[in-house]
């Protein structure tokens, strides 16, 4: 399964995917971001989420990063 397939799978069933899986995929997307500043921003957001124990709060914060998943499926990184 390609990274693009995994991203689409998450987007299709976002509410039922674990935050760990979402974070794992966001980490894989991070190197494809064109700007180092954006890569660092996403890295900081991911680290912030990893520091939270409350599952509902983690999910909410992951939902805020959904545009990165959408962006990746559009293939504009190519």
Protein backbone atom coordinates (compact mmCIF):
# COMPACT_ATOMS: atom_id res chain seq x y z
CA UNK A 1 0.00 0.00 0.00
CA UNK A 2 1.43 3.36 -1.02
CA UNK A 3 1.62 6.38 1.25
CA UNK A 4 -1.05 8.04 -0.89
CA UNK A 5 -3.35 5.03 -0.33
CA UNK A 6 -2.75 5.20 3.42
CA UNK A 7 -3.56 8.92 3.48
CA UNK A 8 -6.78 8.37 1.54
CA UNK A 9 -7.73 5.53 3.90
CA UNK A 10 -7.29 7.86 6.89
CA UNK A 11 -9.29 10.64 5.25
CA UNK A 12 -12.12 8.24 4.39
CA UNK A 13 -12.48 7.06 8.00
CA UNK A 14 -10.79 9.82 10.00
CA UNK A 15 -12.98 9.54 13.10
CA UNK A 16 -12.17 5.85 13.54
CA UNK A 17 -8.42 6.01 12.89
CA UNK A 18 -6.13 6.15 15.91
CA UNK A 19 -4.16 9.30 16.56
CA UNK A 20 -0.96 7.23 16.52
CA UNK A 21 -1.71 6.15 12.94
CA UNK A 22 -2.51 9.73 11.89
CA UNK A 23 0.73 10.98 13.43
CA UNK A 24 2.71 8.18 11.80
CA UNK A 25 1.42 9.24 8.38
CA UNK A 26 1.96 12.95 9.06
CA UNK A 27 5.59 12.18 9.91
CA UNK A 28 5.93 10.38 6.57
CA UNK A 29 4.40 13.35 4.72
CA UNK A 30 6.62 15.91 6.44
CA UNK A 31 9.68 15.51 4.11
CA UNK A 32 7.48 16.22 1.07
CA UNK A 33 6.63 19.71 2.28
CA UNK A 34 8.40 22.23 0.08
CA UNK A 35 9.57 24.66 2.72
CA UNK A 36 11.77 23.85 5.68
CA UNK A 37 9.75 26.34 7.71
CA UNK A 38 6.57 24.37 7.01
CA UNK A 39 8.32 21.10 7.81
CA UNK A 40 9.48 22.52 11.14
CA UNK A 41 6.00 23.86 11.88
CA UNK A 42 4.41 20.46 11.29
CA UNK A 43 7.13 18.80 13.36
CA UNK A 44 6.37 21.14 16.27
CA UNK A 45 2.64 20.43 16.03
CA UNK A 46 3.28 16.68 16.00
CA UNK A 47 5.55 16.95 19.04
CA UNK A 48 2.85 18.93 20.84
CA UNK A 49 0.27 16.25 20.13
CA UNK A 50 2.61 13.50 21.31
CA UNK A 51 2.96 15.32 24.64
CA UNK A 52 -0.77 15.10 25.37
CA UNK A 53 -2.29 12.12 27.18
CA UNK A 54 -5.97 12.95 26.65
CA UNK A 55 -7.16 10.95 23.65
CA UNK A 56 -10.00 13.32 22.76
CA UNK A 57 -7.68 16.32 22.81
CA UNK A 58 -5.12 14.48 20.67
CA UNK A 59 -7.82 13.64 18.12
CA UNK A 60 -8.97 17.27 18.03
CA UNK A 61 -5.43 18.47 17.42
CA UNK A 62 -4.90 15.84 14.72
CA UNK A 63 -8.07 17.03 13.04
CA UNK A 64 -6.50 20.51 12.81
CA UNK A 65 -3.68 18.94 10.75
CA UNK A 66 -6.06 17.31 8.26
CA UNK A 67 -5.19 19.88 5.55
CA UNK A 68 -1.72 18.30 5.32
CA UNK A 69 -3.36 14.99 4.46
CA UNK A 70 -5.61 16.67 1.90
CA UNK A 71 -2.62 18.46 0.40
CA UNK A 72 -0.69 15.21 0.00
CA UNK A 73 -3.53 13.49 -1.86
CA UNK A 74 -3.61 16.34 -4.38
CA UNK A 75 -0.11 15.41 -5.53
CA UNK A 76 1.15 18.99 -5.60
CA UNK A 77 4.42 17.88 -4.01
CA UNK A 78 5.50 16.21 -7.26
